[in-house]
């Protein structure tokens, strides 16, 4: 999907510098004007300054998360399409992201075509095959992330609720 009238400016807000720069380069090659931000706070500032048509937001970043950023972007830029990118995809986080204002949710790694298509989910054909059930590991990871989100990212509180040691939970989160 090439850049065109009404959708030509994209903001990439991701703390992974190599991924962000690679994606920005691909978007520029496709004809988009691209802005970059490495965290949620600078992402909000950049979005307000340049008013992009599309915004790619990483879910987990140092400082404020992508979930913190979503309602602020939606309130300030209601016409922008917002796609959440994450390496930690789960059903509950996808639903939460959409509830907070995301147009769509894409798990990393994703091809440029899939990311661009996510800006316009209404154009996508309905899937012809049945949705696959998540694996036990995916369900467990989703539950851990939900508990962590419910406790505002407080690892100690989440570990208590999950019945695991704080350090064990920190190691698991680094692995995921």
N, C-alpha and C. Protein backbone atom coordinates (compact mmCIF):
# COMPACT_ATOMS: atom_id res chain seq x y z
N UNK A 1 0.86 -1.18 0.00
CA UNK A 1 0.00 0.00 0.00
C UNK A 1 0.90 1.24 0.00
N UNK A 2 0.81 2.00 -1.04
CA UNK A 2 1.63 3.21 -1.18
C UNK A 2 0.95 4.38 -0.49
N UNK A 3 1.75 5.37 -0.13
CA UNK A 3 1.20 6.58 0.47
C UNK A 3 0.32 7.28 -0.56
N UNK A 4 -0.72 7.89 -0.07
CA UNK A 4 -1.63 8.58 -0.97
C UNK A 4 -2.33 9.72 -0.27
N UNK A 5 -3.23 10.38 -0.99
CA UNK A 5 -3.95 11.50 -0.38
C UNK A 5 -4.73 11.03 0.85
N UNK A 6 -4.65 11.80 1.91
CA UNK A 6 -5.39 11.48 3.12
C UNK A 6 -4.67 10.53 4.06
N UNK A 7 -3.60 9.91 3.60
CA UNK A 7 -2.83 9.02 4.47
C UNK A 7 -1.40 8.97 3.98
N UNK A 8 -0.60 9.95 4.42
CA UNK A 8 0.77 10.03 3.94
C UNK A 8 1.80 10.25 5.04
N UNK A 9 1.35 10.62 6.26
CA UNK A 9 2.27 10.88 7.37
C UNK A 9 2.07 9.83 8.46
N UNK A 10 3.19 9.20 8.88
CA UNK A 10 3.13 8.14 9.88
C UNK A 10 4.15 8.42 10.99
N UNK A 11 3.70 8.23 12.22
CA UNK A 11 4.58 8.33 13.39
C UNK A 11 4.86 6.91 13.89
N UNK A 12 6.13 6.59 14.10
CA UNK A 12 6.53 5.30 14.67
C UNK A 12 7.05 5.57 16.07
N UNK A 13 6.34 5.09 17.07
CA UNK A 13 6.70 5.30 18.47
C UNK A 13 7.08 3.94 19.07
N UNK A 14 8.39 3.69 19.16
CA UNK A 14 8.89 2.40 19.63
C UNK A 14 10.25 2.61 20.28
N UNK A 15 10.48 1.96 21.42
CA UNK A 15 11.75 2.14 22.13
C UNK A 15 12.88 1.31 21.53
N UNK A 16 12.56 0.32 20.71
CA UNK A 16 13.58 -0.50 20.06
C UNK A 16 14.12 0.28 18.86
N UNK A 17 15.26 0.90 19.06
CA UNK A 17 15.82 1.81 18.05
C UNK A 17 16.03 1.14 16.69
N UNK A 18 16.61 -0.05 16.69
CA UNK A 18 16.88 -0.74 15.42
C UNK A 18 15.57 -1.05 14.69
N UNK A 19 14.58 -1.55 15.41
CA UNK A 19 13.29 -1.87 14.80
C UNK A 19 12.63 -0.59 14.28
N UNK A 20 12.62 0.46 15.10
CA UNK A 20 11.98 1.72 14.73
C UNK A 20 12.62 2.30 13.46
N UNK A 21 13.93 2.30 13.40
CA UNK A 21 14.62 2.88 12.24
C UNK A 21 14.42 2.04 10.99
N UNK A 22 14.40 0.71 11.15
CA UNK A 22 14.17 -0.18 10.00
C UNK A 22 12.76 0.01 9.45
N UNK A 23 11.78 0.09 10.36
CA UNK A 23 10.40 0.29 9.95
C UNK A 23 10.23 1.67 9.30
N UNK A 24 10.84 2.69 9.88
CA UNK A 24 10.75 4.04 9.32
C UNK A 24 11.35 4.08 7.91
N UNK A 25 12.46 3.41 7.72
CA UNK A 25 13.10 3.37 6.40
C UNK A 25 12.18 2.68 5.38
N UNK A 26 11.54 1.59 5.80
CA UNK A 26 10.62 0.88 4.90
C UNK A 26 9.42 1.75 4.54
N UNK A 27 8.90 2.45 5.52
CA UNK A 27 7.76 3.34 5.27
C UNK A 27 8.14 4.49 4.34
N UNK A 28 9.33 5.03 4.53
CA UNK A 28 9.80 6.11 3.64
C UNK A 28 9.95 5.60 2.21
N UNK A 29 10.45 4.37 2.07
CA UNK A 29 10.59 3.77 0.74
C UNK A 29 9.24 3.58 0.06
N UNK A 30 8.20 3.41 0.88
CA UNK A 30 6.84 3.25 0.34
C UNK A 30 6.18 4.60 0.08
N UNK A 31 6.89 5.70 0.33
CA UNK A 31 6.38 7.02 0.01
C UNK A 31 5.78 7.80 1.16
N UNK A 32 5.90 7.29 2.37
CA UNK A 32 5.33 7.99 3.53
C UNK A 32 6.32 8.98 4.12
N UNK A 33 5.80 10.05 4.70
CA UNK A 33 6.59 10.95 5.52
C UNK A 33 6.55 10.34 6.91
N UNK A 34 7.73 10.09 7.50
CA UNK A 34 7.78 9.35 8.76
C UNK A 34 8.43 10.19 9.85
N UNK A 35 7.81 10.13 11.03
CA UNK A 35 8.35 10.77 12.24
C UNK A 35 8.63 9.64 13.22
N UNK A 36 9.64 9.83 14.07
CA UNK A 36 10.02 8.79 15.02
C UNK A 36 10.02 9.33 16.45
N UNK A 37 9.67 8.45 17.39
CA UNK A 37 9.72 8.77 18.81
C UNK A 37 10.13 7.51 19.56
N UNK A 38 10.93 7.69 20.61
CA UNK A 38 11.45 6.52 21.33
C UNK A 38 10.70 6.20 22.61
N UNK A 39 9.75 7.04 23.01
CA UNK A 39 8.95 6.75 24.20
C UNK A 39 7.59 7.42 24.07
N UNK A 40 6.69 7.10 24.99
CA UNK A 40 5.32 7.58 24.90
C UNK A 40 5.22 9.10 25.02
N UNK A 41 6.01 9.68 25.90
CA UNK A 41 5.95 11.13 26.10
C UNK A 41 6.39 11.89 24.86
N UNK A 42 7.53 11.49 24.28
CA UNK A 42 7.98 12.18 23.06
C UNK A 42 7.06 11.82 21.89
N UNK A 43 6.45 10.65 21.93
CA UNK A 43 5.49 10.27 20.90
C UNK A 43 4.28 11.19 20.90
N UNK A 44 3.78 11.51 22.08
CA UNK A 44 2.64 12.42 22.19
C UNK A 44 3.02 13.80 21.68
N UNK A 45 4.19 14.29 22.08
CA UNK A 45 4.65 15.61 21.63
C UNK A 45 4.80 15.66 20.10
N UNK A 46 5.41 14.62 19.54
CA UNK A 46 5.61 14.57 18.08
C UNK A 46 4.27 14.50 17.36
N UNK A 47 3.36 13.69 17.88
CA UNK A 47 2.04 13.55 17.24
C UNK A 47 1.29 14.88 17.26
N UNK A 48 1.35 15.60 18.36
CA UNK A 48 0.65 16.88 18.45
C UNK A 48 1.27 17.92 17.52
N UNK A 49 2.58 17.84 17.35
CA UNK A 49 3.26 18.81 16.49
C UNK A 49 3.01 18.54 15.00
N UNK A 50 3.09 17.26 14.57
CA UNK A 50 3.04 16.94 13.14
C UNK A 50 1.70 16.37 12.67
N UNK A 51 0.82 15.99 13.59
CA UNK A 51 -0.52 15.49 13.28
C UNK A 51 -0.50 14.42 12.19
N UNK A 52 0.15 13.27 12.47
CA UNK A 52 0.23 12.22 11.46
C UNK A 52 -1.12 11.57 11.19
N UNK A 53 -1.25 10.99 9.99
CA UNK A 53 -2.46 10.28 9.61
C UNK A 53 -2.52 8.92 10.29
N UNK A 54 -1.34 8.31 10.48
CA UNK A 54 -1.23 7.01 11.11
C UNK A 54 -0.18 7.03 12.20
N UNK A 55 -0.45 6.32 13.28
CA UNK A 55 0.49 6.27 14.40
C UNK A 55 0.68 4.81 14.80
N UNK A 56 1.94 4.37 14.82
CA UNK A 56 2.29 3.04 15.29
C UNK A 56 2.84 3.18 16.71
N UNK A 57 2.26 2.48 17.67
CA UNK A 57 2.63 2.62 19.07
C UNK A 57 3.04 1.26 19.62
N UNK A 58 4.24 1.19 20.18
CA UNK A 58 4.68 -0.02 20.86
C UNK A 58 3.95 -0.11 22.21
N UNK A 59 3.57 -1.30 22.59
CA UNK A 59 2.83 -1.49 23.84
C UNK A 59 3.72 -1.25 25.06
N UNK A 60 4.91 -1.84 25.04
CA UNK A 60 5.79 -1.77 26.22
C UNK A 60 7.00 -0.92 25.89
N UNK A 61 7.11 0.18 26.64
CA UNK A 61 8.25 1.08 26.50
C UNK A 61 8.68 1.52 27.89
N UNK A 62 9.92 1.96 28.04
CA UNK A 62 10.32 2.48 29.34
C UNK A 62 9.50 3.73 29.68
N UNK A 63 9.23 3.94 30.93
CA UNK A 63 8.39 5.07 31.33
C UNK A 63 6.94 4.71 31.09
N UNK A 64 6.22 5.60 30.46
CA UNK A 64 4.80 5.37 30.18
C UNK A 64 4.64 4.34 29.07
N UNK A 65 3.58 3.57 29.16
CA UNK A 65 3.35 2.50 28.18
C UNK A 65 2.53 3.01 27.00
N UNK A 66 2.42 2.16 26.00
CA UNK A 66 1.57 2.47 24.86
C UNK A 66 0.11 2.60 25.27
N UNK A 67 -0.31 1.83 26.28
CA UNK A 67 -1.69 1.94 26.76
C UNK A 67 -1.95 3.31 27.39
N UNK A 68 -0.94 3.88 28.01
CA UNK A 68 -1.07 5.24 28.58
C UNK A 68 -1.26 6.25 27.45
N UNK A 69 -0.55 6.03 26.36
CA UNK A 69 -0.55 6.96 25.24
C UNK A 69 -1.83 6.95 24.42
N UNK A 70 -2.45 5.78 24.28
CA UNK A 70 -3.62 5.64 23.40
C UNK A 70 -4.75 6.64 23.65
N UNK A 71 -5.27 6.76 24.87
CA UNK A 71 -6.39 7.69 25.06
C UNK A 71 -6.00 9.15 24.82
N UNK A 72 -4.75 9.48 25.09
CA UNK A 72 -4.28 10.85 24.86
C UNK A 72 -4.23 11.16 23.37
N UNK A 73 -3.75 10.20 22.58
CA UNK A 73 -3.73 10.38 21.14
C UNK A 73 -5.14 10.45 20.57
N UNK A 74 -6.00 9.55 21.05
CA UNK A 74 -7.38 9.51 20.54
C UNK A 74 -8.10 10.81 20.83
N UNK A 75 -7.89 11.38 22.02
CA UNK A 75 -8.56 12.63 22.39
C UNK A 75 -8.01 13.81 21.58
N UNK A 76 -6.71 13.82 21.35
CA UNK A 76 -6.08 14.96 20.65
C UNK A 76 -6.15 14.85 19.13
N UNK A 77 -6.13 13.64 18.62
CA UNK A 77 -6.09 13.42 17.17
C UNK A 77 -7.14 12.37 16.78
N UNK A 78 -8.41 12.70 16.90
CA UNK A 78 -9.45 11.70 16.64
C UNK A 78 -9.47 11.17 15.21
N UNK A 79 -8.91 11.92 14.27
CA UNK A 79 -8.91 11.49 12.87
C UNK A 79 -7.76 10.54 12.54
N UNK A 80 -6.75 10.47 13.40
CA UNK A 80 -5.60 9.59 13.15
C UNK A 80 -5.94 8.14 13.40
N UNK A 81 -5.33 7.27 12.61
CA UNK A 81 -5.49 5.83 12.82
C UNK A 81 -4.30 5.35 13.64
N UNK A 82 -4.60 4.62 14.71
CA UNK A 82 -3.56 4.19 15.64
C UNK A 82 -3.48 2.67 15.65
N UNK A 83 -2.29 2.16 15.39
CA UNK A 83 -2.06 0.72 15.42
C UNK A 83 -1.05 0.43 16.53
N UNK A 84 -1.39 -0.53 17.38
CA UNK A 84 -0.50 -0.95 18.46
C UNK A 84 0.34 -2.11 17.96
N UNK A 85 1.66 -1.98 18.14
CA UNK A 85 2.62 -3.03 17.80
C UNK A 85 3.19 -3.58 19.09
N UNK A 86 3.25 -4.88 19.22
CA UNK A 86 3.84 -5.44 20.43
C UNK A 86 4.38 -6.83 20.19
N UNK A 87 5.38 -7.16 20.94
CA UNK A 87 5.91 -8.51 20.94
C UNK A 87 5.21 -9.36 21.98
N UNK A 88 4.28 -8.77 22.71
CA UNK A 88 3.61 -9.44 23.82
C UNK A 88 2.12 -9.50 23.56
N UNK A 89 1.73 -10.02 22.42
CA UNK A 89 0.33 -10.04 22.04
C UNK A 89 -0.51 -11.01 22.85
N UNK A 90 -1.67 -10.57 23.24
CA UNK A 90 -2.63 -11.43 23.91
C UNK A 90 -4.02 -10.88 23.62
N UNK A 91 -5.01 -11.70 23.83
CA UNK A 91 -6.38 -11.28 23.57
C UNK A 91 -6.77 -10.13 24.48
N UNK A 92 -6.44 -10.22 25.76
CA UNK A 92 -6.86 -9.17 26.69
C UNK A 92 -6.17 -7.84 26.39
N UNK A 93 -4.88 -7.87 26.06
CA UNK A 93 -4.20 -6.61 25.76
C UNK A 93 -4.68 -6.03 24.44
N UNK A 94 -5.01 -6.88 23.47
CA UNK A 94 -5.55 -6.39 22.21
C UNK A 94 -6.89 -5.70 22.44
N UNK A 95 -7.75 -6.33 23.22
CA UNK A 95 -9.05 -5.73 23.53
C UNK A 95 -8.90 -4.42 24.28
N UNK A 96 -7.98 -4.39 25.23
CA UNK A 96 -7.73 -3.17 26.00
C UNK A 96 -7.22 -2.06 25.08
N UNK A 97 -6.32 -2.40 24.17
CA UNK A 97 -5.78 -1.40 23.24
C UNK A 97 -6.89 -0.82 22.36
N UNK A 98 -7.75 -1.67 21.85
CA UNK A 98 -8.85 -1.20 20.99
C UNK A 98 -9.83 -0.36 21.82
N UNK A 99 -10.10 -0.80 23.05
CA UNK A 99 -11.00 -0.04 23.92
C UNK A 99 -10.45 1.37 24.19
N UNK A 100 -9.12 1.47 24.28
CA UNK A 100 -8.50 2.77 24.57
C UNK A 100 -8.28 3.63 23.33
N UNK A 101 -8.63 3.12 22.14
CA UNK A 101 -8.56 3.96 20.96
C UNK A 101 -7.77 3.45 19.79
N UNK A 102 -7.17 2.27 19.90
CA UNK A 102 -6.40 1.74 18.77
C UNK A 102 -7.34 1.31 17.65
N UNK A 103 -6.90 1.52 16.43
CA UNK A 103 -7.64 1.06 15.26
C UNK A 103 -7.47 -0.45 15.11
N UNK A 104 -6.26 -0.92 15.41
CA UNK A 104 -5.95 -2.34 15.27
C UNK A 104 -4.75 -2.67 16.13
N UNK A 105 -4.43 -3.96 16.22
CA UNK A 105 -3.37 -4.48 17.08
C UNK A 105 -2.57 -5.48 16.27
N UNK A 106 -1.23 -5.33 16.21
CA UNK A 106 -0.39 -6.23 15.43
C UNK A 106 0.75 -6.72 16.31
N UNK A 107 1.02 -8.03 16.26
CA UNK A 107 2.14 -8.57 17.03
C UNK A 107 3.40 -8.59 16.19
N UNK A 108 4.52 -8.33 16.85
CA UNK A 108 5.83 -8.37 16.20
C UNK A 108 6.29 -9.81 16.17
N UNK A 109 7.07 -10.20 15.22
CA UNK A 109 7.46 -9.43 14.04
C UNK A 109 6.31 -9.38 13.04
N UNK A 110 6.22 -8.30 12.32
CA UNK A 110 5.16 -8.14 11.32
C UNK A 110 5.76 -7.54 10.06
N UNK A 111 5.24 -7.96 8.94
CA UNK A 111 5.69 -7.42 7.66
C UNK A 111 5.05 -6.05 7.44
N UNK A 112 5.71 -5.24 6.64
CA UNK A 112 5.23 -3.89 6.36
C UNK A 112 3.80 -3.93 5.81
N UNK A 113 3.51 -4.87 4.93
CA UNK A 113 2.17 -4.96 4.35
C UNK A 113 1.11 -5.19 5.43
N UNK A 114 1.43 -6.05 6.41
CA UNK A 114 0.48 -6.33 7.50
C UNK A 114 0.28 -5.10 8.39
N UNK A 115 1.36 -4.35 8.62
CA UNK A 115 1.26 -3.15 9.44
C UNK A 115 0.41 -2.10 8.73
N UNK A 116 0.66 -1.90 7.44
CA UNK A 116 -0.12 -0.91 6.69
C UNK A 116 -1.58 -1.34 6.58
N UNK A 117 -1.83 -2.63 6.39
CA UNK A 117 -3.21 -3.12 6.31
C UNK A 117 -3.94 -2.92 7.64
N UNK A 118 -3.21 -2.95 8.74
CA UNK A 118 -3.84 -2.77 10.06
C UNK A 118 -4.42 -1.37 10.24
N UNK A 119 -3.94 -0.41 9.49
CA UNK A 119 -4.51 0.94 9.57
C UNK A 119 -5.93 0.97 9.00
N UNK A 120 -6.25 0.00 8.14
CA UNK A 120 -7.56 -0.03 7.50
C UNK A 120 -8.18 -1.42 7.65
N UNK A 121 -8.50 -1.84 8.88
CA UNK A 121 -9.05 -3.20 9.07
C UNK A 121 -10.38 -3.40 8.35
N UNK A 122 -11.11 -2.32 8.08
CA UNK A 122 -12.40 -2.46 7.39
C UNK A 122 -12.22 -2.91 5.94
N UNK A 123 -11.03 -2.75 5.39
CA UNK A 123 -10.76 -3.16 4.01
C UNK A 123 -10.36 -4.63 3.90
N UNK A 124 -10.07 -5.25 5.03
CA UNK A 124 -9.60 -6.63 5.02
C UNK A 124 -10.77 -7.59 4.91
N UNK A 125 -10.56 -8.63 4.13
CA UNK A 125 -11.59 -9.66 4.00
C UNK A 125 -11.66 -10.46 5.29
N UNK A 126 -12.83 -10.98 5.57
CA UNK A 126 -12.99 -11.81 6.77
C UNK A 126 -12.16 -13.08 6.61
N UNK A 127 -11.51 -13.52 7.69
CA UNK A 127 -10.69 -14.73 7.57
C UNK A 127 -11.55 -15.94 7.22
N UNK A 128 -11.06 -16.77 6.32
CA UNK A 128 -11.82 -17.92 5.87
C UNK A 128 -11.61 -19.15 6.75
N UNK A 129 -10.60 -19.13 7.58
CA UNK A 129 -10.34 -20.28 8.44
C UNK A 129 -10.70 -19.93 9.88
N UNK A 130 -10.91 -20.97 10.67
CA UNK A 130 -11.26 -20.75 12.07
C UNK A 130 -10.06 -20.18 12.82
N UNK A 131 -10.34 -19.33 13.80
CA UNK A 131 -9.26 -18.78 14.63
C UNK A 131 -8.66 -19.92 15.45
N UNK A 132 -7.36 -19.93 15.57
CA UNK A 132 -6.70 -20.96 16.34
C UNK A 132 -6.79 -20.62 17.82
N UNK A 133 -6.94 -21.65 18.63
CA UNK A 133 -6.95 -21.44 20.06
C UNK A 133 -5.54 -21.12 20.52
N UNK A 134 -5.40 -20.23 21.51
CA UNK A 134 -4.06 -19.91 21.99
C UNK A 134 -3.46 -21.10 22.75
N UNK A 135 -2.14 -21.18 22.74
CA UNK A 135 -1.47 -22.24 23.48
C UNK A 135 -1.53 -21.94 24.97
N UNK A 136 -1.20 -22.93 25.77
CA UNK A 136 -1.19 -22.74 27.21
C UNK A 136 -0.20 -21.64 27.61
N UNK A 137 0.95 -21.61 26.95
CA UNK A 137 1.94 -20.57 27.25
C UNK A 137 1.39 -19.18 26.93
N UNK A 138 0.64 -19.05 25.82
CA UNK A 138 0.04 -17.76 25.46
C UNK A 138 -1.02 -17.34 26.48
N UNK A 139 -1.83 -18.29 26.92
CA UNK A 139 -2.86 -17.99 27.91
C UNK A 139 -2.22 -17.57 29.22
N UNK A 140 -1.17 -18.27 29.61
CA UNK A 140 -0.47 -17.93 30.85
C UNK A 140 0.17 -16.54 30.75
N UNK A 141 0.81 -16.28 29.64
CA UNK A 141 1.43 -14.97 29.44
C UNK A 141 0.39 -13.87 29.46
N UNK A 142 -0.75 -14.11 28.83
CA UNK A 142 -1.84 -13.14 28.83
C UNK A 142 -2.31 -12.84 30.26
N UNK A 143 -2.45 -13.89 31.07
CA UNK A 143 -2.89 -13.72 32.46
C UNK A 143 -1.87 -12.91 33.26
N UNK A 144 -0.59 -13.25 33.11
CA UNK A 144 0.46 -12.52 33.82
C UNK A 144 0.43 -11.04 33.41
N UNK A 145 0.32 -10.76 32.12
CA UNK A 145 0.28 -9.37 31.65
C UNK A 145 -0.96 -8.64 32.16
N UNK A 146 -2.09 -9.34 32.23
CA UNK A 146 -3.31 -8.71 32.74
C UNK A 146 -3.16 -8.34 34.21
N UNK A 147 -2.61 -9.27 35.01
CA UNK A 147 -2.39 -9.00 36.44
C UNK A 147 -1.42 -7.83 36.60
N UNK A 148 -0.37 -7.82 35.80
CA UNK A 148 0.60 -6.72 35.86
C UNK A 148 -0.05 -5.39 35.49
N UNK A 149 -0.89 -5.39 34.48
CA UNK A 149 -1.60 -4.17 34.07
C UNK A 149 -2.56 -3.71 35.15
N UNK A 150 -3.26 -4.66 35.79
CA UNK A 150 -4.20 -4.32 36.86
C UNK A 150 -3.50 -3.66 38.04
N UNK A 151 -2.22 -3.94 38.22
CA UNK A 151 -1.46 -3.36 39.32
C UNK A 151 -0.51 -2.27 38.83
N UNK A 152 -0.89 -1.64 37.72
CA UNK A 152 -0.15 -0.50 37.15
C UNK A 152 1.34 -0.77 36.97
N UNK A 153 1.68 -1.99 36.56
CA UNK A 153 3.07 -2.33 36.30
C UNK A 153 3.90 -2.61 37.54
N UNK A 154 3.27 -2.63 38.72
CA UNK A 154 3.99 -2.89 39.97
C UNK A 154 4.29 -4.38 40.05
N UNK A 155 5.55 -4.75 39.82
CA UNK A 155 5.95 -6.15 39.77
C UNK A 155 5.78 -6.82 41.13
N UNK A 156 6.09 -6.12 42.22
CA UNK A 156 5.96 -6.71 43.55
C UNK A 156 4.51 -7.08 43.86
N UNK A 157 3.58 -6.17 43.57
CA UNK A 157 2.17 -6.45 43.82
C UNK A 157 1.66 -7.57 42.91
N UNK A 158 2.05 -7.55 41.65
CA UNK A 158 1.63 -8.59 40.72
C UNK A 158 2.17 -9.95 41.15
N UNK A 159 3.42 -9.98 41.61
CA UNK A 159 4.02 -11.24 42.07
C UNK A 159 3.24 -11.80 43.26
N UNK A 160 2.81 -10.94 44.17
CA UNK A 160 2.01 -11.40 45.32
C UNK A 160 0.72 -12.03 44.85
N UNK A 161 0.03 -11.36 43.93
CA UNK A 161 -1.24 -11.88 43.42
C UNK A 161 -1.03 -13.21 42.69
N UNK A 162 0.05 -13.31 41.93
CA UNK A 162 0.33 -14.52 41.17
C UNK A 162 0.90 -15.65 42.03
N UNK A 163 1.35 -15.29 43.25
CA UNK A 163 1.91 -16.31 44.14
C UNK A 163 3.30 -16.75 43.74
N UNK A 164 4.07 -15.83 43.15
CA UNK A 164 5.45 -16.13 42.79
C UNK A 164 6.37 -15.10 43.40
N UNK A 165 7.64 -15.42 43.46
CA UNK A 165 8.62 -14.48 43.98
C UNK A 165 8.82 -13.35 42.97
N UNK A 166 9.04 -12.15 43.47
CA UNK A 166 9.21 -10.97 42.62
C UNK A 166 10.31 -11.17 41.58
N UNK A 167 11.45 -11.72 42.01
CA UNK A 167 12.57 -11.91 41.07
C UNK A 167 12.22 -12.91 39.97
N UNK A 168 11.46 -13.94 40.32
CA UNK A 168 11.03 -14.91 39.31
C UNK A 168 10.15 -14.24 38.26
N UNK A 169 9.25 -13.38 38.72
CA UNK A 169 8.38 -12.67 37.78
C UNK A 169 9.20 -11.72 36.91
N UNK A 170 10.18 -11.03 37.50
CA UNK A 170 11.02 -10.13 36.70
C UNK A 170 11.78 -10.90 35.62
N UNK A 171 12.32 -12.08 35.98
CA UNK A 171 13.03 -12.89 34.99
C UNK A 171 12.09 -13.33 33.88
N UNK A 172 10.89 -13.73 34.24
CA UNK A 172 9.89 -14.16 33.24
C UNK A 172 9.55 -13.02 32.30
N UNK A 173 9.36 -11.81 32.85
CA UNK A 173 8.99 -10.66 32.02
C UNK A 173 10.13 -10.30 31.06
N UNK A 174 11.35 -10.46 31.49
CA UNK A 174 12.50 -10.20 30.60
C UNK A 174 12.53 -11.20 29.46
N UNK A 175 12.17 -12.48 29.76
CA UNK A 175 12.16 -13.54 28.75
C UNK A 175 11.06 -13.32 27.73
N UNK A 176 9.90 -12.90 28.18
CA UNK A 176 8.74 -12.72 27.30
C UNK A 176 9.01 -11.57 26.43
